[in-house]
Protein backbone atom coordinates (compact mmCIF):
# COMPACT_ATOMS: atom_id res chain seq x y z
CA MET A 1 0.00 0.00 0.00
CA GLN A 2 1.26 3.48 -0.89
CA TYR A 3 1.27 5.95 2.02
CA TYR A 4 2.27 9.06 0.05
CA ASN A 5 1.06 11.17 -2.88
CA ASP A 6 2.63 13.34 -5.58
CA GLN A 7 2.73 16.34 -3.22
CA ASP A 8 4.64 14.28 -0.66
CA ILE A 9 7.08 13.16 -3.35
CA ALA A 10 7.77 16.77 -4.41
CA ALA A 11 8.11 17.96 -0.80
CA ALA A 12 10.69 15.22 -0.22
CA GLY A 13 12.68 16.54 -3.17
CA PHE A 14 11.80 13.94 -5.79
CA VAL A 15 10.07 13.69 -9.15
CA THR A 16 9.13 10.50 -10.98
CA ASN A 17 9.20 11.88 -14.53
CA SER A 18 10.69 14.98 -16.12
CA ASP A 19 11.38 16.08 -19.68
CA ALA A 20 13.62 18.94 -18.62
CA ALA A 21 15.93 17.49 -15.99
CA THR A 22 19.41 18.90 -15.62
CA HIS A 23 22.04 16.15 -15.65
CA LEU A 24 24.35 15.80 -12.65
CA THR A 25 27.61 13.87 -12.62
CA LEU A 26 29.30 12.78 -9.41
CA LEU A 27 33.09 13.04 -9.67
CA THR A 28 35.99 12.34 -7.37
CA ALA A 29 39.16 14.43 -7.71
CA GLU A 30 40.82 11.59 -9.64
CA GLN A 31 37.85 11.26 -11.99
CA LEU A 32 37.87 14.99 -12.61
CA GLU A 33 41.43 14.81 -13.91
CA GLN A 34 40.35 12.23 -16.45
CA ARG A 35 37.21 14.17 -17.31
CA LEU A 36 39.16 17.32 -18.09
CA ASN A 37 40.90 15.52 -20.94
CA ASP A 38 37.58 14.69 -22.59
CA ILE A 39 35.72 18.01 -22.44
CA SER A 40 35.90 21.17 -24.47
CA ALA A 41 38.20 24.07 -23.73
CA VAL A 42 35.10 26.15 -23.00
CA ASP A 43 33.93 23.74 -20.29
CA GLN A 44 37.44 23.53 -18.91
CA ALA A 45 37.37 27.31 -18.55
CA TRP A 46 33.95 27.18 -16.88
CA ILE A 47 35.24 24.67 -14.35
CA LYS A 48 38.33 26.73 -13.65
CA ARG A 49 36.31 29.93 -13.13
CA GLN A 50 34.20 28.14 -10.52
CA SER A 51 37.32 26.84 -8.72
CA PHE A 52 35.89 23.33 -8.92
CA SER A 53 38.27 20.61 -7.74
CA ALA A 54 35.65 17.89 -7.05
CA LYS A 55 35.91 18.17 -3.29
CA PRO A 56 32.77 16.91 -1.52
CA GLY A 57 30.19 19.70 -1.43
CA GLU A 58 31.45 21.49 -4.53
CA VAL A 59 29.22 22.05 -7.58
CA ALA A 60 30.20 23.40 -11.00
CA PHE A 61 27.90 24.15 -13.94
CA LEU A 62 28.95 23.55 -17.53
CA GLN A 63 28.08 25.60 -20.60
CA SER A 64 25.25 23.17 -21.41
CA GLY A 65 23.62 23.79 -18.03
CA ASP A 66 24.55 20.35 -16.73
CA ALA A 67 26.53 20.20 -13.51
CA LEU A 68 29.43 18.37 -11.91
CA VAL A 69 29.26 17.44 -8.22
CA GLY A 70 32.28 16.77 -6.02
CA TRP A 71 32.26 13.39 -4.33
CA ASP A 72 34.50 11.35 -2.04
CA GLY A 73 33.54 8.09 -3.74
CA ASN A 74 31.58 6.72 -0.77
CA ASP A 75 28.01 5.46 -0.80
CA ASN A 76 26.49 7.56 1.96
CA VAL A 77 23.90 10.17 2.92
CA ALA A 78 26.36 13.01 2.27
CA SER A 79 26.87 12.11 -1.41
CA LEU A 80 23.74 14.03 -2.46
CA GLY A 81 22.45 15.38 0.85
CA HIS A 82 23.70 18.92 0.26
CA LEU A 83 22.17 19.31 -3.20
CA PRO A 84 18.41 19.87 -2.66
CA MET A 85 19.00 23.28 -1.06
CA ARG A 86 22.27 24.03 -2.88
CA LEU A 87 21.05 23.63 -6.45
CA PRO A 88 18.52 26.03 -7.99
CA GLU A 89 14.92 24.88 -7.92
CA GLY A 90 14.09 22.49 -10.73
CA ASP A 91 14.44 18.86 -11.79
CA TYR A 92 17.72 16.96 -11.84
CA GLN A 93 18.85 13.53 -12.93
CA LEU A 94 22.05 11.69 -12.17
CA SER A 95 24.00 10.74 -15.29
CA HIS A 96 24.80 7.33 -13.80
CA PRO A 97 22.99 4.93 -11.41
CA ILE A 98 22.99 5.78 -7.71
CA SER A 99 22.04 3.75 -4.66
CA ASN A 100 18.87 3.97 -2.59
CA LEU A 101 20.99 5.24 0.29
CA GLN A 102 22.27 8.15 -1.80
CA ALA A 103 18.71 8.95 -2.86
CA VAL A 104 17.57 8.81 0.78
CA GLY A 105 20.35 11.30 1.52
CA TRP A 106 18.89 13.64 -1.07
CA GLY A 107 15.47 13.37 0.57
CA LEU A 108 16.90 13.98 4.04
CA GLY A 109 18.67 17.07 2.71
CA ALA A 110 15.38 18.41 1.32
CA TYR A 111 13.82 18.59 4.79
CA GLN A 112 12.57 21.98 6.02
CA PHE A 113 10.60 22.68 9.20
CA ASP A 114 7.83 25.05 8.11
CA ARG A 115 5.20 24.88 10.85
CA TYR A 116 5.84 28.42 12.13
CA LYS A 117 7.70 30.14 9.30
CA ASP A 118 7.24 29.98 5.54
CA VAL A 119 10.16 28.45 3.71
CA LYS A 120 12.03 30.65 1.24
CA ARG A 121 12.19 28.07 -1.54
CA ALA A 122 11.29 24.55 -2.53
CA PRO A 123 14.02 21.92 -2.70
CA ALA A 124 15.51 20.86 -5.99
CA ARG A 125 13.90 17.62 -7.21
CA LEU A 126 15.77 14.44 -8.09
CA MET A 127 14.30 12.14 -10.71
CA VAL A 128 13.81 8.66 -9.25
CA THR A 129 14.92 6.24 -11.95
CA ALA A 130 13.87 2.64 -12.50
CA ASN A 131 16.84 1.15 -10.62
CA LEU A 132 15.66 2.80 -7.40
CA SER A 133 12.82 1.78 -5.07
CA LEU A 134 10.58 4.82 -4.63
CA ASP A 135 8.62 3.14 -1.82
CA ASP A 136 11.76 2.35 0.16
CA ILE A 137 13.15 5.85 -0.32
CA MET A 138 9.91 7.66 0.52
CA HIS A 139 9.18 5.56 3.60
CA LYS A 140 12.65 6.10 5.03
CA VAL A 141 12.53 9.82 4.34
CA ALA A 142 9.01 10.12 5.76
CA ALA A 143 9.97 8.24 8.94
CA THR A 144 12.83 10.66 9.54
CA GLN A 145 10.68 13.67 8.68
CA LEU A 146 8.10 12.55 11.25
CA ALA A 147 10.70 12.30 13.99
CA ARG A 148 12.31 15.61 13.02
CA ASP A 149 8.96 17.45 12.97
CA LEU A 150 8.00 16.14 16.40
CA ILE A 151 11.35 17.10 17.92
CA ASN A 152 11.42 20.54 16.32
CA THR A 153 7.93 21.42 17.56
CA PRO A 154 8.12 23.53 20.74
CA SER A 155 6.64 22.20 23.94
CA GLN A 156 3.65 24.55 23.82
CA ASP A 157 2.42 22.40 20.92
CA MET A 158 4.03 19.11 21.97
CA ALA A 159 2.75 18.46 25.49
CA PRO A 160 1.85 14.87 26.48
CA SER A 161 -1.67 15.29 25.09
CA HIS A 162 -0.27 16.48 21.74
CA LEU A 163 2.08 13.50 21.63
CA GLU A 164 -0.92 11.29 22.31
CA ALA A 165 -2.75 12.89 19.38
CA GLU A 166 0.23 12.20 17.11
CA THR A 167 0.22 8.58 18.26
CA HIS A 168 -3.50 8.29 17.51
CA ALA A 169 -2.82 9.61 13.99
CA LEU A 170 -0.05 7.05 13.52
CA ALA A 171 -2.27 4.22 14.71
CA LYS A 172 -5.15 5.30 12.46
CA ARG A 173 -2.88 5.54 9.42
CA PHE A 174 -1.76 1.93 9.71
CA GLY A 175 -4.78 0.34 11.35
CA ALA A 176 -2.95 -0.27 14.63
CA ALA A 177 -4.61 -0.68 18.04
CA LEU A 178 -3.91 1.94 20.69
CA THR A 179 -4.67 2.19 24.39
CA VAL A 180 -3.77 5.21 26.51
CA THR A 181 -3.44 5.38 30.30
CA VAL A 182 -3.68 8.94 31.66
CA GLY A 183 -3.04 10.67 34.97
CA GLU A 184 -4.23 8.83 38.10
CA GLU A 185 -4.95 5.75 35.98
CA LEU A 186 -1.19 5.21 35.88
CA LEU A 187 -1.24 4.47 39.61
CA ASP A 188 -3.92 1.83 39.04
CA LYS A 189 -1.48 0.12 36.66
CA ASP A 190 1.43 0.43 39.10
CA CYS A 191 3.24 3.01 36.94
CA GLY A 192 4.22 5.18 39.88
CA ALA A 193 7.43 6.40 38.25
CA ILE A 194 5.74 7.78 35.12
CA HIS A 195 3.06 9.39 37.27
CA ALA A 196 5.55 11.03 39.62
CA VAL A 197 7.55 12.67 36.84
CA GLY A 198 4.50 14.26 35.23
CA ARG A 199 2.14 14.95 38.12
CA ALA A 200 3.23 18.56 38.60
CA ALA A 201 2.34 19.57 35.04
CA THR A 202 -1.07 20.87 33.94
CA ASP A 203 -1.02 18.39 31.04
CA ALA A 204 -1.24 14.97 32.69
CA PRO A 205 1.36 12.23 32.21
CA ARG A 206 0.32 9.23 30.15
CA LEU A 207 1.40 5.97 28.59
CA MET A 208 0.58 5.16 24.96
CA ASP A 209 0.55 1.46 24.03
CA LEU A 210 0.27 0.73 20.28
CA THR A 211 0.18 -2.74 18.73
CA TRP A 212 0.28 -3.72 15.06
CA GLY A 213 0.86 -6.81 12.96
CA ASP A 214 0.17 -10.52 12.99
CA GLU A 215 0.21 -11.97 16.49
CA GLN A 216 2.06 -15.01 15.14
CA HIS A 217 5.00 -12.94 13.91
CA PRO A 218 8.12 -12.25 16.03
CA ARG A 219 7.37 -9.71 18.76
CA ILE A 220 9.39 -6.49 18.66
CA THR A 221 8.80 -3.81 21.30
CA VAL A 222 9.98 -0.23 20.76
CA ILE A 223 10.01 2.30 23.61
CA GLY A 224 10.70 6.05 23.50
CA LYS A 225 11.29 8.55 26.28
CA GLY A 226 8.62 11.23 25.94
CA VAL A 227 9.59 14.06 28.29
CA THR A 228 7.93 16.86 26.37
CA PHE A 229 9.81 19.51 28.34
CA ASP A 230 12.39 19.09 31.06
CA SER A 231 12.79 21.91 33.54
CA GLY A 232 14.87 19.58 35.68
CA GLY A 233 12.09 19.55 38.26
CA LEU A 234 13.05 20.81 41.72
CA ASN A 235 16.70 20.19 40.76
CA ILE A 236 16.06 22.90 38.21
CA LYS A 237 18.28 23.26 35.17
CA PRO A 238 20.08 26.55 34.45
CA GLY A 239 18.65 28.58 31.59
CA ALA A 240 21.23 27.41 29.07
CA GLY A 241 20.56 23.78 29.96
CA MET A 242 16.81 24.28 29.51
CA ARG A 243 17.03 26.00 26.11
CA LEU A 244 16.76 22.88 23.97
CA MET A 245 14.60 20.79 26.27
CA LYS A 246 11.78 20.70 23.74
CA LYS A 247 13.89 17.89 22.27
CA ASP A 248 13.72 15.79 25.43
CA MET A 249 10.92 13.77 23.82
CA GLY A 250 13.35 12.91 21.02
CA GLY A 251 13.39 9.27 22.07
CA ALA A 252 9.63 9.03 21.62
CA ALA A 253 9.89 10.79 18.26
CA ILE A 254 12.52 8.35 17.00
CA ALA A 255 10.53 5.39 18.31
CA MET A 256 7.51 6.69 16.40
CA GLY A 257 9.60 7.16 13.26
CA LEU A 258 10.93 3.61 13.49
CA SER A 259 7.42 2.28 14.05
CA TYR A 260 6.18 4.27 11.03
CA LEU A 261 8.87 2.66 8.89
CA ILE A 262 8.15 -0.86 10.16
CA MET A 263 4.45 -0.48 9.40
CA ALA A 264 4.85 1.34 6.07
CA GLN A 265 7.26 -1.34 4.85
CA ASN A 266 4.92 -4.05 6.18
CA LEU A 267 7.71 -5.81 8.01
CA PRO A 268 6.47 -9.20 9.23
CA VAL A 269 6.74 -8.53 12.96
CA ARG A 270 4.30 -8.04 15.80
CA LEU A 271 5.11 -4.47 16.76
CA ARG A 272 4.45 -2.94 20.14
CA LEU A 273 5.21 0.75 20.68
CA LEU A 274 5.28 2.07 24.25
CA LEU A 275 5.52 5.83 24.74
CA PRO A 276 5.61 7.11 28.33
CA ALA A 277 5.02 10.86 28.17
CA ALA A 278 5.27 13.58 30.80
CA GLU A 279 6.40 17.15 31.33
CA ASN A 280 8.94 17.43 34.14
CA ALA A 281 7.47 20.58 35.64
CA ILE A 282 7.65 22.40 38.97
CA SER A 283 4.71 23.02 41.28
CA GLY A 284 3.67 22.29 44.84
CA ASN A 285 3.14 18.60 44.12
CA ALA A 286 6.36 18.00 42.17
CA PHE A 287 8.32 14.91 43.17
CA ARG A 288 11.30 15.68 45.39
CA PRO A 289 14.87 14.54 46.08
CA GLY A 290 14.60 11.89 48.77
CA ASP A 291 11.17 10.66 47.68
CA ILE A 292 10.81 6.92 47.15
CA LEU A 293 8.79 5.81 44.12
CA HIS A 294 7.03 2.51 43.60
CA THR A 295 7.60 1.16 40.08
CA HIS A 296 5.73 -1.27 37.87
CA LYS A 297 8.28 -4.02 38.51
CA GLY A 298 7.86 -3.66 42.27
CA LEU A 299 11.29 -2.15 42.83
CA THR A 300 11.44 0.99 44.95
CA VAL A 301 13.52 3.91 43.69
CA GLU A 302 14.95 6.65 45.88
CA ILE A 303 15.16 9.99 44.09
CA ASP A 304 18.65 11.45 44.20
CA ASN A 305 18.02 14.02 41.46
CA THR A 306 14.74 15.04 39.86
CA ASP A 307 16.62 15.91 36.68
CA ALA A 308 17.28 12.19 36.14
CA GLU A 309 13.64 11.74 35.19
CA GLY A 310 13.83 10.07 31.80
CA ARG A 311 14.93 6.75 33.24
CA LEU A 312 11.88 6.89 35.53
CA LEU A 313 9.56 7.00 32.53
CA LEU A 314 11.48 4.22 30.85
CA CYS A 315 11.70 1.89 33.85
CA ASP A 316 7.93 1.41 34.05
CA ALA A 317 7.67 0.99 30.28
CA LEU A 318 10.54 -1.52 30.19
CA SER A 319 8.90 -3.56 32.94
CA ILE A 320 5.62 -3.65 31.02
CA ALA A 321 7.47 -4.55 27.81
CA SER A 322 9.20 -7.48 29.50
CA GLU A 323 5.98 -9.14 30.63
CA ASP A 324 5.20 -10.76 27.28
CA GLU A 325 8.85 -11.71 26.62
CA PRO A 326 9.31 -10.21 23.14
CA GLN A 327 12.13 -11.29 20.84
CA LEU A 328 13.69 -7.83 21.15
CA ILE A 329 13.20 -4.64 23.17
CA ILE A 330 14.55 -1.37 21.78
CA ASP A 331 14.46 1.92 23.63
CA TYR A 332 15.48 5.41 22.56
CA ALA A 333 16.12 8.25 24.99
CA THR A 334 17.82 11.61 25.27
CA LEU A 335 19.06 10.34 28.58
CA THR A 336 22.47 11.63 29.71
CA GLY A 337 24.97 14.37 29.06
CA ALA A 338 27.60 11.76 29.83
CA ALA A 339 26.82 9.97 26.56
CA ARG A 340 27.36 13.25 24.69
CA VAL A 341 30.73 13.65 26.41
CA ALA A 342 31.65 10.09 25.42
CA VAL A 343 30.62 10.06 21.75
CA GLY A 344 29.67 13.66 20.94
CA THR A 345 26.38 14.83 19.48
CA GLU A 346 26.57 13.07 16.11
CA ILE A 347 26.80 9.42 17.19
CA ALA A 348 24.17 7.36 19.02
CA ALA A 349 25.57 5.74 22.15
CA MET A 350 24.39 2.12 22.26
CA PHE A 351 24.07 -0.28 25.18
CA CYS A 352 23.15 -3.91 24.65
CA ASN A 353 22.96 -7.06 26.74
CA ASP A 354 23.85 -9.27 23.75
CA LYS A 355 27.30 -8.79 22.17
CA ALA A 356 26.38 -10.51 18.90
CA LEU A 357 23.33 -8.25 18.53
CA ALA A 358 25.41 -5.17 19.33
CA ASN A 359 27.88 -6.12 16.60
CA GLN A 360 25.08 -6.59 14.09
CA ILE A 361 23.60 -3.19 14.92
CA SER A 362 27.02 -1.57 14.56
CA ASP A 363 27.43 -3.20 11.15
CA SER A 364 23.96 -2.05 10.13
CA GLY A 365 24.77 1.51 11.18
CA ASP A 366 27.88 1.43 9.02
CA SER A 367 25.88 0.04 6.08
CA VAL A 368 23.31 2.84 6.09
CA ASP A 369 25.48 5.73 7.32
CA ASP A 370 23.70 5.99 10.68
CA ALA A 371 26.46 5.99 13.26
CA VAL A 372 26.15 4.08 16.53
CA TRP A 373 28.86 3.29 19.06
CA PRO A 374 28.73 0.69 21.84
CA LEU A 375 29.35 1.74 25.45
CA PRO A 376 29.78 -0.73 28.32
CA LEU A 377 27.10 -2.20 30.54
CA HIS A 378 29.75 -2.73 33.20
CA SER A 379 28.10 -4.59 36.07
CA GLY A 380 30.85 -3.46 38.43
CA TYR A 381 29.23 -0.02 38.48
CA ASN A 382 25.96 -1.31 39.95
CA HIS A 383 27.19 -0.39 43.40
CA MET A 384 26.79 3.26 42.40
CA LEU A 385 23.03 2.76 42.29
CA SER A 386 22.75 1.40 45.83
CA SER A 387 20.33 3.03 48.27
CA LYS A 388 20.15 2.57 52.05
CA VAL A 389 16.37 2.99 52.10
CA ALA A 390 15.16 1.67 48.73
CA ASP A 391 16.08 -0.96 46.13
CA LEU A 392 18.10 1.56 44.13
CA VAL A 393 18.62 5.28 43.49
CA ASN A 394 17.70 6.95 40.22
CA SER A 395 21.01 8.76 39.84
CA ALA A 396 24.51 7.89 41.01
CA ALA A 397 26.11 10.44 43.32
CA SER A 398 29.35 10.26 41.33
CA GLY A 399 29.57 11.93 37.95
CA PHE A 400 31.70 9.12 36.57
CA ALA A 401 30.28 6.69 33.97
CA GLY A 402 26.96 8.51 33.93
CA ALA A 403 25.71 6.93 30.71
CA SER A 404 26.62 3.44 31.91
CA THR A 405 25.01 3.81 35.32
CA ALA A 406 21.84 5.14 33.67
CA ALA A 407 21.80 2.08 31.40
CA LEU A 408 22.44 -0.22 34.36
CA PHE A 409 19.47 1.38 36.12
CA LEU A 410 17.25 0.53 33.14
CA GLN A 411 18.62 -2.98 32.91
CA ARG A 412 17.19 -3.72 36.37
CA PHE A 413 13.68 -3.47 34.87
CA ILE A 414 13.93 -5.99 32.04
CA ASN A 415 14.01 -9.75 31.84
CA ASP A 416 17.66 -10.76 31.55
CA LYS A 417 16.78 -13.34 28.90
CA THR A 418 15.31 -10.74 26.55
CA PRO A 419 17.71 -9.12 24.03
CA TRP A 420 17.69 -5.39 24.71
CA LEU A 421 19.03 -2.35 22.89
CA HIS A 422 19.22 1.02 24.61
CA PHE A 423 20.15 4.15 22.64
CA ASP A 424 21.22 7.28 24.49
CA VAL A 425 20.99 9.96 21.80
CA MET A 426 21.25 13.69 21.24
CA ALA A 427 18.27 13.61 18.81
CA PHE A 428 19.37 16.99 17.49
CA ASN A 429 21.87 18.21 14.92
CA THR A 430 23.82 21.07 16.44
CA ARG A 431 25.22 22.00 13.03
CA SER A 432 24.06 21.52 9.45
CA ARG A 433 25.70 18.75 7.41
CA PRO A 434 24.74 17.23 4.05
CA GLY A 435 21.46 15.40 4.58
CA ARG A 436 21.42 16.43 8.23
CA PRO A 437 20.13 20.00 8.66
CA GLU A 438 20.38 21.67 12.05
CA GLY A 439 17.51 20.62 14.31
CA GLY A 440 15.76 17.43 15.33
CA GLU A 441 17.31 14.18 14.13
CA ALA A 442 16.20 10.53 14.04
CA MET A 443 19.46 9.03 15.27
CA ALA A 444 19.88 5.24 15.05
CA LEU A 445 16.51 4.84 13.32
CA ARG A 446 17.81 3.57 9.97
CA ALA A 447 20.50 1.46 11.66
CA VAL A 448 17.92 -0.47 13.66
CA TYR A 449 15.53 -0.79 10.75
CA HIS A 450 18.30 -2.19 8.54
CA TYR A 451 18.94 -4.87 11.16
CA LEU A 452 15.24 -5.68 11.52
CA GLU A 453 14.80 -5.89 7.76
CA LYS A 454 17.77 -8.23 7.40
CA THR A 455 16.63 -10.38 10.31
CA TYR A 456 12.89 -10.63 9.67
CA GLY A 457 12.59 -9.88 5.96
CA HIS A 458 9.54 -8.69 4.08
CA THR A 459 6.11 -10.17 3.55
């Protein structure tokens, strides 16, 4: 089934047929040297005037109107990702076959967030030729666009109830079932951690539970941290630390994007999507340092820091996910600054309780240019989560190994026999790169999907 129309195709920077497409040729520096011997003196002069040396990112137009594009020779998102907003508006066609990944890069580079401000121009459009799969390209681009749009939307329009509405729209689009537990109902389901994080906000905390697919297919559960704004709670963040906290629901956005892609591609799995959502706000009933929360698994958690709230949403969701023993649990979260210190803002930190699975995800990330990097689930650090009055604390007193101790906290809430992937991500591009404009980003989405597609195949 096709989930897009001609307008969607154009907005993603593509066209399926064109009689007036400008031809583009990708060239490495070595290929340019050979090309110069075969072109006219006029075109040689044109290239020289434009100081074109075929470095990645460079573009030079020839007398005919066709263009040369600098390239490093790699099959990646960056090959074409800079062109939709670099080239003049119009239709373009590559003079030689390209890969689906390169075409996806073009679509990712065409993204513009236009909810609050009109865009200045439309992206250039790439003609999708017969050797490419338009469905595959459009679904991957649309999944990323969904995640980016959700992350880029400010919290005034992306409170827990708004995130619920987006989840309803996703479920309706693909005929999925959805149940939502809101406010005090969370306590009836023993989700005391989710409730505590969001109880101080005017928009109540909630848990979205979406299911899709044949019940006989392998069960895959995807979870996303949905803190729609993080003030830090009573351990309030400084202003600079709060500035980008609209993106603290980035885990939920990526989980939704991955779920979109699984359903759009009709992957033969039984999908479950769990989205715990809350605003970590401050009021008279906000949860406090020293409070002890009762979680879904039955473990008690002493609050060391109210700004370590994301793991409290996830712990209840992970416990629920573990009950039906799925083949794989995947969670995404903008969880720790420590992960950013370890791998920077452009790589997804990955924790996994199965080394073979971790290696496969790393390989998948390399294959689709979606960088992930494994960090250790070092059990020796569990002592840092000890509490004298509860089963564990939510945040280690020491600043050392912060990403690992956060992951170890989450690990306490899953079944040890269930393969589990935890991604601690920035979910935001702090600078613009080809195919990756500044703003919300669906980190580790394509890497995980590539693995799922290889493992479970298509119907």
